All heavy atoms as atom14 arrays in JSON, in Angstrom:
{
  "sequence": "VGKATWAHSFSSVKRGGTVVTMGMTTGRRVEVDLLPVIVNQLTVAGT",
  "atom14_mask": [
    [1, 1, 1, 1, 1, 1, 1, 0, 0, 0, 0, 0, 0, 0],
    [1, 1, 1, 1, 0, 0, 0, 0, 0, 0, 0, 0, 0, 0],
    [1, 1, 1, 1, 1, 1, 1, 1, 1, 0, 0, 0, 0, 0],
    [1, 1, 1, 1, 1, 0, 0, 0, 0, 0, 0, 0, 0, 0],
    [1, 1, 1, 1, 1, 1, 1, 0, 0, 0, 0, 0, 0, 0],
    [1, 1, 1, 1, 1, 1, 1, 1, 1, 1, 1, 1, 1, 1],
    [1, 1, 1, 1, 1, 0, 0, 0, 0, 0, 0, 0, 0, 0],
    [1, 1, 1, 1, 1, 1, 1, 1, 1, 1, 0, 0, 0, 0],
    [1, 1, 1, 1, 1, 1, 0, 0, 0, 0, 0, 0, 0, 0],
    [1, 1, 1, 1, 1, 1, 1, 1, 1, 1, 1, 0, 0, 0],
    [1, 1, 1, 1, 1, 1, 0, 0, 0, 0, 0, 0, 0, 0],
    [1, 1, 1, 1, 1, 1, 0, 0, 0, 0, 0, 0, 0, 0],
    [1, 1, 1, 1, 1, 1, 1, 0, 0, 0, 0, 0, 0, 0],
    [1, 1, 1, 1, 1, 1, 1, 1, 1, 0, 0, 0, 0, 0],
    [1, 1, 1, 1, 1, 1, 1, 1, 1, 1, 1, 0, 0, 0],
    [1, 1, 1, 1, 0, 0, 0, 0, 0, 0, 0, 0, 0, 0],
    [1, 1, 1, 1, 0, 0, 0, 0, 0, 0, 0, 0, 0, 0],
    [1, 1, 1, 1, 1, 1, 1, 0, 0, 0, 0, 0, 0, 0],
    [1, 1, 1, 1, 1, 1, 1, 0, 0, 0, 0, 0, 0, 0],
    [1, 1, 1, 1, 1, 1, 1, 0, 0, 0, 0, 0, 0, 0],
    [1, 1, 1, 1, 1, 1, 1, 0, 0, 0, 0, 0, 0, 0],
    [1, 1, 1, 1, 1, 1, 1, 1, 0, 0, 0, 0, 0, 0],
    [1, 1, 1, 1, 0, 0, 0, 0, 0, 0, 0, 0, 0, 0],
    [1, 1, 1, 1, 1, 1, 1, 1, 0, 0, 0, 0, 0, 0],
    [1, 1, 1, 1, 1, 1, 1, 0, 0, 0, 0, 0, 0, 0],
    [1, 1, 1, 1, 1, 1, 1, 0, 0, 0, 0, 0, 0, 0],
    [1, 1, 1, 1, 0, 0, 0, 0, 0, 0, 0, 0, 0, 0],
    [1, 1, 1, 1, 1, 1, 1, 1, 1, 1, 1, 0, 0, 0],
    [1, 1, 1, 1, 1, 1, 1, 1, 1, 1, 1, 0, 0, 0],
    [1, 1, 1, 1, 1, 1, 1, 0, 0, 0, 0, 0, 0, 0],
    [1, 1, 1, 1, 1, 1, 1, 1, 1, 0, 0, 0, 0, 0],
    [1, 1, 1, 1, 1, 1, 1, 0, 0, 0, 0, 0, 0, 0],
    [1, 1, 1, 1, 1, 1, 1, 1, 0, 0, 0, 0, 0, 0],
    [1, 1, 1, 1, 1, 1, 1, 1, 0, 0, 0, 0, 0, 0],
    [1, 1, 1, 1, 1, 1, 1, 1, 0, 0, 0, 0, 0, 0],
    [1, 1, 1, 1, 1, 1, 1, 0, 0, 0, 0, 0, 0, 0],
    [1, 1, 1, 1, 1, 1, 1, 0, 0, 0, 0, 0, 0, 0],
    [1, 1, 1, 1, 1, 1, 1, 1, 0, 0, 0, 0, 0, 0],
    [1, 1, 1, 1, 1, 1, 1, 0, 0, 0, 0, 0, 0, 0],
    [1, 1, 1, 1, 1, 1, 1, 1, 0, 0, 0, 0, 0, 0],
    [1, 1, 1, 1, 1, 1, 1, 1, 1, 0, 0, 0, 0, 0],
    [1, 1, 1, 1, 1, 1, 1, 1, 0, 0, 0, 0, 0, 0],
    [1, 1, 1, 1, 1, 1, 1, 0, 0, 0, 0, 0, 0, 0],
    [1, 1, 1, 1, 1, 1, 1, 0, 0, 0, 0, 0, 0, 0],
    [1, 1, 1, 1, 1, 0, 0, 0, 0, 0, 0, 0, 0, 0],
    [1, 1, 1, 1, 0, 0, 0, 0, 0, 0, 0, 0, 0, 0],
    [1, 1, 1, 1, 1, 1, 1, 0, 0, 0, 0, 0, 0, 0]
  ],
  "atom14_positions": [
    [[80.71, 107.21, 88.23], [82.11, 106.85, 87.98], [82.97, 107.12, 89.21], [83.82, 106.31, 89.6], [82.66, 107.59, 86.76], [84.12, 107.23, 86.52], [81.82, 107.28, 85.53], [0.0, 0.0, 0.0], [0.0, 0.0, 0.0], [0.0, 0.0, 0.0], [0.0, 0.0, 0.0], [0.0, 0.0, 0.0], [0.0, 0.0, 0.0], [0.0, 0.0, 0.0]],
    [[82.77, 108.28, 89.85], [83.53, 108.6, 91.04], [84.75, 109.45, 90.77], [84.68, 110.47, 90.09], [0.0, 0.0, 0.0], [0.0, 0.0, 0.0], [0.0, 0.0, 0.0], [0.0, 0.0, 0.0], [0.0, 0.0, 0.0], [0.0, 0.0, 0.0], [0.0, 0.0, 0.0], [0.0, 0.0, 0.0], [0.0, 0.0, 0.0], [0.0, 0.0, 0.0]],
    [[85.87, 109.04, 91.29], [87.08, 109.86, 91.33], [87.49, 110.4, 89.97], [87.85, 111.58, 89.83], [88.23, 109.05, 91.94], [89.51, 109.84, 92.13], [90.57, 108.99, 92.82], [91.85, 109.79, 93.03], [92.88, 108.97, 93.73], [0.0, 0.0, 0.0], [0.0, 0.0, 0.0], [0.0, 0.0, 0.0], [0.0, 0.0, 0.0], [0.0, 0.0, 0.0]],
    [[87.44, 109.59, 88.93], [87.95, 109.99, 87.62], [87.14, 111.12, 86.99], [87.68, 111.89, 86.18], [87.99, 108.78, 86.68], [0.0, 0.0, 0.0], [0.0, 0.0, 0.0], [0.0, 0.0, 0.0], [0.0, 0.0, 0.0], [0.0, 0.0, 0.0], [0.0, 0.0, 0.0], [0.0, 0.0, 0.0], [0.0, 0.0, 0.0], [0.0, 0.0, 0.0]],
    [[85.86, 111.24, 87.3], [84.99, 112.23, 86.65], [84.53, 113.33, 87.6], [83.82, 114.24, 87.17], [83.75, 111.54, 86.06], [83.09, 110.78, 87.09], [84.13, 110.61, 84.92], [0.0, 0.0, 0.0], [0.0, 0.0, 0.0], [0.0, 0.0, 0.0], [0.0, 0.0, 0.0], [0.0, 0.0, 0.0], [0.0, 0.0, 0.0], [0.0, 0.0, 0.0]],
    [[84.9, 113.24, 88.87], [84.34, 114.13, 89.88], [84.59, 115.61, 89.56], [83.67, 116.43, 89.59], [84.9, 113.77, 91.24], [84.14, 114.3, 92.4], [84.57, 115.2, 93.33], [82.8, 113.96, 92.8], [83.6, 115.44, 94.27], [82.5, 114.68, 93.96], [81.83, 113.1, 92.27], [81.27, 114.59, 94.61], [80.61, 113.01, 92.91], [80.34, 113.73, 94.06]],
    [[85.84, 115.97, 89.24], [86.16, 117.37, 88.94], [85.41, 117.84, 87.71], [84.89, 118.97, 87.66], [87.66, 117.54, 88.75], [0.0, 0.0, 0.0], [0.0, 0.0, 0.0], [0.0, 0.0, 0.0], [0.0, 0.0, 0.0], [0.0, 0.0, 0.0], [0.0, 0.0, 0.0], [0.0, 0.0, 0.0], [0.0, 0.0, 0.0], [0.0, 0.0, 0.0]],
    [[85.31, 117.0, 86.69], [84.61, 117.37, 85.47], [83.12, 117.56, 85.74], [82.49, 118.46, 85.17], [84.82, 116.3, 84.4], [84.23, 116.64, 83.07], [83.04, 116.1, 82.62], [84.65, 117.48, 82.09], [82.76, 116.58, 81.42], [83.72, 117.42, 81.06], [0.0, 0.0, 0.0], [0.0, 0.0, 0.0], [0.0, 0.0, 0.0], [0.0, 0.0, 0.0]],
    [[82.55, 116.74, 86.6], [81.13, 116.88, 86.93], [80.85, 118.25, 87.53], [79.89, 118.93, 87.15], [80.69, 115.77, 87.9], [80.7, 114.51, 87.26], [0.0, 0.0, 0.0], [0.0, 0.0, 0.0], [0.0, 0.0, 0.0], [0.0, 0.0, 0.0], [0.0, 0.0, 0.0], [0.0, 0.0, 0.0], [0.0, 0.0, 0.0], [0.0, 0.0, 0.0]],
    [[81.69, 118.69, 88.45], [81.46, 119.98, 89.11], [81.75, 121.15, 88.19], [81.08, 122.19, 88.28], [82.3, 120.07, 90.38], [81.65, 119.42, 91.56], [81.81, 118.07, 91.79], [80.84, 120.14, 92.42], [81.19, 117.45, 92.86], [80.21, 119.53, 93.49], [80.38, 118.18, 93.72], [0.0, 0.0, 0.0], [0.0, 0.0, 0.0], [0.0, 0.0, 0.0]],
    [[82.69, 120.98, 87.27], [82.98, 122.08, 86.35], [81.95, 122.17, 85.23], [81.91, 123.17, 84.51], [84.38, 121.91, 85.74], [84.42, 120.77, 84.88], [0.0, 0.0, 0.0], [0.0, 0.0, 0.0], [0.0, 0.0, 0.0], [0.0, 0.0, 0.0], [0.0, 0.0, 0.0], [0.0, 0.0, 0.0], [0.0, 0.0, 0.0], [0.0, 0.0, 0.0]],
    [[81.09, 121.16, 85.11], [80.14, 121.1, 84.0], [78.73, 121.52, 84.38], [77.87, 121.65, 83.5], [80.09, 119.68, 83.43], [81.35, 119.28, 82.94], [0.0, 0.0, 0.0], [0.0, 0.0, 0.0], [0.0, 0.0, 0.0], [0.0, 0.0, 0.0], [0.0, 0.0, 0.0], [0.0, 0.0, 0.0], [0.0, 0.0, 0.0], [0.0, 0.0, 0.0]],
    [[78.46, 121.74, 85.67], [77.1, 122.04, 86.11], [76.93, 123.54, 86.31], [77.83, 124.23, 86.8], [76.76, 121.25, 87.39], [77.59, 121.71, 88.59], [75.28, 121.33, 87.7], [0.0, 0.0, 0.0], [0.0, 0.0, 0.0], [0.0, 0.0, 0.0], [0.0, 0.0, 0.0], [0.0, 0.0, 0.0], [0.0, 0.0, 0.0], [0.0, 0.0, 0.0]],
    [[75.8, 124.08, 85.91], [75.57, 125.51, 85.98], [75.19, 125.96, 87.38], [74.93, 125.13, 88.27], [74.47, 125.92, 85.0], [73.08, 125.34, 85.33], [71.98, 125.93, 84.45], [72.23, 125.75, 82.99], [71.05, 126.17, 82.17], [0.0, 0.0, 0.0], [0.0, 0.0, 0.0], [0.0, 0.0, 0.0], [0.0, 0.0, 0.0], [0.0, 0.0, 0.0]],
    [[75.13, 127.24, 87.59], [74.69, 127.8, 88.88], [73.31, 127.29, 89.23], [72.41, 127.27, 88.39], [74.68, 129.33, 88.82], [76.06, 129.95, 88.89], [75.99, 131.43, 89.23], [77.32, 131.94, 89.55], [77.54, 132.97, 90.34], [76.51, 133.61, 90.9], [78.77, 133.39, 90.58], [0.0, 0.0, 0.0], [0.0, 0.0, 0.0], [0.0, 0.0, 0.0]],
    [[73.15, 126.88, 90.48], [71.88, 126.35, 90.93], [71.61, 124.92, 90.5], [70.53, 124.39, 90.76], [0.0, 0.0, 0.0], [0.0, 0.0, 0.0], [0.0, 0.0, 0.0], [0.0, 0.0, 0.0], [0.0, 0.0, 0.0], [0.0, 0.0, 0.0], [0.0, 0.0, 0.0], [0.0, 0.0, 0.0], [0.0, 0.0, 0.0], [0.0, 0.0, 0.0]],
    [[72.6, 124.3, 89.86], [72.43, 122.95, 89.34], [72.7, 121.88, 90.4], [73.01, 122.16, 91.56], [0.0, 0.0, 0.0], [0.0, 0.0, 0.0], [0.0, 0.0, 0.0], [0.0, 0.0, 0.0], [0.0, 0.0, 0.0], [0.0, 0.0, 0.0], [0.0, 0.0, 0.0], [0.0, 0.0, 0.0], [0.0, 0.0, 0.0], [0.0, 0.0, 0.0]],
    [[72.61, 120.63, 89.94], [72.71, 119.49, 90.84], [73.67, 118.45, 90.29], [73.65, 118.16, 89.09], [71.32, 118.85, 91.04], [70.41, 119.81, 91.56], [71.38, 117.67, 92.0], [0.0, 0.0, 0.0], [0.0, 0.0, 0.0], [0.0, 0.0, 0.0], [0.0, 0.0, 0.0], [0.0, 0.0, 0.0], [0.0, 0.0, 0.0], [0.0, 0.0, 0.0]],
    [[74.47, 117.89, 91.17], [75.28, 116.72, 90.86], [74.72, 115.55, 91.66], [74.68, 115.6, 92.89], [76.77, 116.94, 91.21], [77.56, 115.65, 90.95], [77.35, 118.09, 90.41], [0.0, 0.0, 0.0], [0.0, 0.0, 0.0], [0.0, 0.0, 0.0], [0.0, 0.0, 0.0], [0.0, 0.0, 0.0], [0.0, 0.0, 0.0], [0.0, 0.0, 0.0]],
    [[74.26, 114.52, 90.95], [73.7, 113.34, 91.61], [74.7, 112.21, 91.47], [75.14, 111.88, 90.37], [72.35, 112.93, 90.97], [71.72, 111.8, 91.79], [71.4, 114.11, 90.89], [0.0, 0.0, 0.0], [0.0, 0.0, 0.0], [0.0, 0.0, 0.0], [0.0, 0.0, 0.0], [0.0, 0.0, 0.0], [0.0, 0.0, 0.0], [0.0, 0.0, 0.0]],
    [[75.07, 111.61, 92.59], [76.07, 110.56, 92.57], [75.54, 109.28, 93.21], [74.8, 109.34, 94.19], [77.36, 111.0, 93.29], [78.31, 109.92, 93.31], [77.08, 111.42, 94.73], [0.0, 0.0, 0.0], [0.0, 0.0, 0.0], [0.0, 0.0, 0.0], [0.0, 0.0, 0.0], [0.0, 0.0, 0.0], [0.0, 0.0, 0.0], [0.0, 0.0, 0.0]],
    [[75.94, 108.15, 92.62], [75.54, 106.85, 93.2], [76.61, 105.79, 93.02], [76.41, 104.64, 93.4], [74.23, 106.35, 92.59], [74.18, 106.25, 91.08], [75.3, 105.05, 90.3], [74.77, 103.53, 91.09], [0.0, 0.0, 0.0], [0.0, 0.0, 0.0], [0.0, 0.0, 0.0], [0.0, 0.0, 0.0], [0.0, 0.0, 0.0], [0.0, 0.0, 0.0]],
    [[77.75, 106.14, 92.42], [78.75, 105.11, 92.14], [80.16, 105.6, 92.35], [80.42, 106.8, 92.49], [0.0, 0.0, 0.0], [0.0, 0.0, 0.0], [0.0, 0.0, 0.0], [0.0, 0.0, 0.0], [0.0, 0.0, 0.0], [0.0, 0.0, 0.0], [0.0, 0.0, 0.0], [0.0, 0.0, 0.0], [0.0, 0.0, 0.0], [0.0, 0.0, 0.0]],
    [[81.08, 104.64, 92.36], [82.49, 104.96, 92.65], [83.39, 103.93, 91.98], [84.33, 103.42, 92.59], [82.7, 104.96, 94.16], [82.16, 103.73, 94.87], [82.25, 103.83, 96.65], [81.56, 102.2, 97.06], [0.0, 0.0, 0.0], [0.0, 0.0, 0.0], [0.0, 0.0, 0.0], [0.0, 0.0, 0.0], [0.0, 0.0, 0.0], [0.0, 0.0, 0.0]],
    [[83.12, 103.65, 90.71], [83.85, 102.59, 90.03], [85.34, 102.91, 89.89], [86.15, 101.99, 89.74], [83.26, 102.31, 88.64], [83.25, 103.52, 87.88], [81.85, 101.78, 88.75], [0.0, 0.0, 0.0], [0.0, 0.0, 0.0], [0.0, 0.0, 0.0], [0.0, 0.0, 0.0], [0.0, 0.0, 0.0], [0.0, 0.0, 0.0], [0.0, 0.0, 0.0]],
    [[85.71, 104.2, 89.93], [87.14, 104.56, 89.82], [87.69, 105.06, 91.14], [88.79, 105.61, 91.18], [87.35, 105.63, 88.74], [86.62, 106.81, 89.1], [86.9, 105.14, 87.38], [0.0, 0.0, 0.0], [0.0, 0.0, 0.0], [0.0, 0.0, 0.0], [0.0, 0.0, 0.0], [0.0, 0.0, 0.0], [0.0, 0.0, 0.0], [0.0, 0.0, 0.0]],
    [[86.96, 104.88, 92.22], [87.45, 105.31, 93.53], [86.46, 106.19, 94.26], [85.76, 106.99, 93.64], [0.0, 0.0, 0.0], [0.0, 0.0, 0.0], [0.0, 0.0, 0.0], [0.0, 0.0, 0.0], [0.0, 0.0, 0.0], [0.0, 0.0, 0.0], [0.0, 0.0, 0.0], [0.0, 0.0, 0.0], [0.0, 0.0, 0.0], [0.0, 0.0, 0.0]],
    [[86.4, 106.03, 95.58], [85.42, 106.76, 96.38], [85.99, 107.97, 97.09], [85.25, 108.77, 97.67], [84.79, 105.83, 97.4], [85.74, 105.3, 98.46], [85.0, 104.41, 99.44], [85.86, 103.99, 100.54], [85.41, 103.33, 101.61], [84.14, 103.01, 101.7], [86.26, 102.98, 102.57], [0.0, 0.0, 0.0], [0.0, 0.0, 0.0], [0.0, 0.0, 0.0]],
    [[87.3, 108.12, 97.11], [87.93, 109.26, 97.77], [88.11, 110.39, 96.76], [88.85, 110.25, 95.79], [89.29, 108.88, 98.37], [89.24, 107.72, 99.35], [88.59, 108.13, 100.65], [88.62, 107.02, 101.61], [88.09, 107.06, 102.81], [87.46, 108.16, 103.2], [88.15, 106.03, 103.62], [0.0, 0.0, 0.0], [0.0, 0.0, 0.0], [0.0, 0.0, 0.0]],
    [[87.42, 111.51, 96.97], [87.49, 112.63, 96.04], [87.75, 113.93, 96.81], [87.53, 114.0, 98.02], [86.17, 112.77, 95.23], [85.93, 111.53, 94.4], [85.0, 113.04, 96.15], [0.0, 0.0, 0.0], [0.0, 0.0, 0.0], [0.0, 0.0, 0.0], [0.0, 0.0, 0.0], [0.0, 0.0, 0.0], [0.0, 0.0, 0.0], [0.0, 0.0, 0.0]],
    [[88.21, 114.94, 96.06], [88.4, 116.27, 96.63], [87.35, 117.21, 96.04], [87.01, 117.11, 94.87], [89.79, 116.8, 96.34], [90.9, 116.02, 97.04], [92.26, 116.65, 96.82], [92.34, 117.7, 96.12], [93.25, 116.1, 97.34], [0.0, 0.0, 0.0], [0.0, 0.0, 0.0], [0.0, 0.0, 0.0], [0.0, 0.0, 0.0], [0.0, 0.0, 0.0]],
    [[86.85, 118.11, 96.87], [85.84, 119.06, 96.43], [86.28, 120.46, 96.84], [86.61, 120.7, 98.02], [84.46, 118.76, 97.05], [83.44, 119.8, 96.61], [83.99, 117.37, 96.66], [0.0, 0.0, 0.0], [0.0, 0.0, 0.0], [0.0, 0.0, 0.0], [0.0, 0.0, 0.0], [0.0, 0.0, 0.0], [0.0, 0.0, 0.0], [0.0, 0.0, 0.0]],
    [[86.33, 121.37, 95.88], [86.56, 122.78, 96.17], [85.23, 123.38, 96.61], [84.29, 123.5, 95.82], [87.09, 123.49, 94.92], [87.44, 124.96, 95.18], [87.09, 125.47, 96.26], [88.03, 125.58, 94.28], [0.0, 0.0, 0.0], [0.0, 0.0, 0.0], [0.0, 0.0, 0.0], [0.0, 0.0, 0.0], [0.0, 0.0, 0.0], [0.0, 0.0, 0.0]],
    [[85.11, 123.73, 97.87], [83.83, 124.19, 98.4], [83.42, 125.56, 97.88], [82.22, 125.87, 97.87], [83.88, 124.22, 99.93], [83.89, 122.86, 100.63], [84.01, 123.04, 102.13], [82.63, 122.08, 100.29], [0.0, 0.0, 0.0], [0.0, 0.0, 0.0], [0.0, 0.0, 0.0], [0.0, 0.0, 0.0], [0.0, 0.0, 0.0], [0.0, 0.0, 0.0]],
    [[84.37, 126.39, 97.43], [84.02, 127.75, 97.01], [83.0, 127.75, 95.88], [81.95, 128.4, 95.99], [85.26, 128.53, 96.63], [85.02, 130.0, 96.25], [84.37, 130.76, 97.41], [86.33, 130.66, 95.82], [0.0, 0.0, 0.0], [0.0, 0.0, 0.0], [0.0, 0.0, 0.0], [0.0, 0.0, 0.0], [0.0, 0.0, 0.0], [0.0, 0.0, 0.0]],
    [[83.22, 127.02, 94.77], [82.2, 127.02, 93.71], [80.89, 126.36, 94.15], [79.82, 126.72, 93.66], [82.85, 126.26, 92.56], [83.99, 125.52, 93.15], [84.45, 126.32, 94.32], [0.0, 0.0, 0.0], [0.0, 0.0, 0.0], [0.0, 0.0, 0.0], [0.0, 0.0, 0.0], [0.0, 0.0, 0.0], [0.0, 0.0, 0.0], [0.0, 0.0, 0.0]],
    [[80.97, 125.4, 95.06], [79.74, 124.8, 95.57], [78.9, 125.85, 96.28], [77.68, 125.94, 96.1], [80.06, 123.64, 96.54], [78.78, 123.09, 97.16], [80.8, 122.52, 95.81], [0.0, 0.0, 0.0], [0.0, 0.0, 0.0], [0.0, 0.0, 0.0], [0.0, 0.0, 0.0], [0.0, 0.0, 0.0], [0.0, 0.0, 0.0], [0.0, 0.0, 0.0]],
    [[79.56, 126.7, 97.07], [78.86, 127.75, 97.81], [78.4, 128.87, 96.89], [77.23, 129.26, 96.87], [79.77, 128.3, 98.92], [80.07, 127.19, 99.95], [79.13, 129.51, 99.6], [81.19, 127.53, 100.91], [0.0, 0.0, 0.0], [0.0, 0.0, 0.0], [0.0, 0.0, 0.0], [0.0, 0.0, 0.0], [0.0, 0.0, 0.0], [0.0, 0.0, 0.0]],
    [[79.35, 129.4, 96.1], [79.05, 130.55, 95.26], [78.0, 130.21, 94.2], [77.09, 131.01, 93.93], [80.34, 131.09, 94.6], [80.0, 132.16, 93.56], [81.29, 131.63, 95.65], [0.0, 0.0, 0.0], [0.0, 0.0, 0.0], [0.0, 0.0, 0.0], [0.0, 0.0, 0.0], [0.0, 0.0, 0.0], [0.0, 0.0, 0.0], [0.0, 0.0, 0.0]],
    [[78.11, 129.02, 93.62], [77.18, 128.62, 92.56], [75.94, 127.92, 93.1], [75.09, 127.49, 92.31], [77.89, 127.71, 91.56], [78.99, 128.42, 90.81], [78.9, 129.61, 90.53], [80.04, 127.7, 90.47], [0.0, 0.0, 0.0], [0.0, 0.0, 0.0], [0.0, 0.0, 0.0], [0.0, 0.0, 0.0], [0.0, 0.0, 0.0], [0.0, 0.0, 0.0]],
    [[75.84, 127.81, 94.41], [74.67, 127.23, 95.07], [74.32, 125.86, 94.47], [73.18, 125.59, 94.08], [73.47, 128.17, 94.97], [73.71, 129.53, 95.61], [72.49, 130.42, 95.57], [71.49, 130.13, 96.2], [72.59, 131.51, 94.82], [0.0, 0.0, 0.0], [0.0, 0.0, 0.0], [0.0, 0.0, 0.0], [0.0, 0.0, 0.0], [0.0, 0.0, 0.0]],
    [[75.34, 125.01, 94.43], [75.16, 123.68, 93.87], [74.55, 122.73, 94.89], [74.78, 122.85, 96.09], [76.5, 123.12, 93.39], [77.27, 123.96, 92.36], [78.56, 123.26, 91.96], [76.4, 124.24, 91.14], [0.0, 0.0, 0.0], [0.0, 0.0, 0.0], [0.0, 0.0, 0.0], [0.0, 0.0, 0.0], [0.0, 0.0, 0.0], [0.0, 0.0, 0.0]],
    [[73.79, 121.79, 94.4], [73.26, 120.71, 95.23], [74.01, 119.43, 94.88], [74.14, 119.09, 93.71], [71.76, 120.51, 94.97], [71.05, 121.69, 95.33], [71.22, 119.33, 95.78], [0.0, 0.0, 0.0], [0.0, 0.0, 0.0], [0.0, 0.0, 0.0], [0.0, 0.0, 0.0], [0.0, 0.0, 0.0], [0.0, 0.0, 0.0], [0.0, 0.0, 0.0]],
    [[74.51, 118.76, 95.9], [75.15, 117.46, 95.72], [74.25, 116.42, 96.38], [74.02, 116.47, 97.59], [76.56, 117.42, 96.34], [77.21, 116.06, 96.09], [77.41, 118.54, 95.78], [0.0, 0.0, 0.0], [0.0, 0.0, 0.0], [0.0, 0.0, 0.0], [0.0, 0.0, 0.0], [0.0, 0.0, 0.0], [0.0, 0.0, 0.0], [0.0, 0.0, 0.0]],
    [[73.73, 115.5, 95.6], [72.76, 114.53, 96.1], [73.3, 113.11, 95.92], [73.62, 112.7, 94.8], [71.43, 114.67, 95.36], [0.0, 0.0, 0.0], [0.0, 0.0, 0.0], [0.0, 0.0, 0.0], [0.0, 0.0, 0.0], [0.0, 0.0, 0.0], [0.0, 0.0, 0.0], [0.0, 0.0, 0.0], [0.0, 0.0, 0.0], [0.0, 0.0, 0.0]],
    [[73.4, 112.4, 97.02], [73.73, 110.99, 96.95], [72.45, 110.17, 96.98], [71.45, 110.57, 97.56], [0.0, 0.0, 0.0], [0.0, 0.0, 0.0], [0.0, 0.0, 0.0], [0.0, 0.0, 0.0], [0.0, 0.0, 0.0], [0.0, 0.0, 0.0], [0.0, 0.0, 0.0], [0.0, 0.0, 0.0], [0.0, 0.0, 0.0], [0.0, 0.0, 0.0]],
    [[72.48, 109.01, 96.34], [71.29, 108.16, 96.34], [71.69, 106.72, 96.12], [72.8, 106.42, 95.65], [70.28, 108.61, 95.26], [69.05, 107.94, 95.46], [70.81, 108.33, 93.87], [0.0, 0.0, 0.0], [0.0, 0.0, 0.0], [0.0, 0.0, 0.0], [0.0, 0.0, 0.0], [0.0, 0.0, 0.0], [0.0, 0.0, 0.0], [0.0, 0.0, 0.0]]
  ]
}
C-alpha cells in the first residue's frame, strides 16, 4: 500500500521481525523513525 499503511506496518511487527514492501499505491514518500528499527532489530526488505 505504501504511505497510508507504513506507520501501522512498523508498529505492528515484533522485535526481530520483517517488513516486506513491494508497492506504493497510496504514495512512495514515507517517513521512518529509525530508533525502533535499530532497537527492535527490524529488517526492511524491498522486492
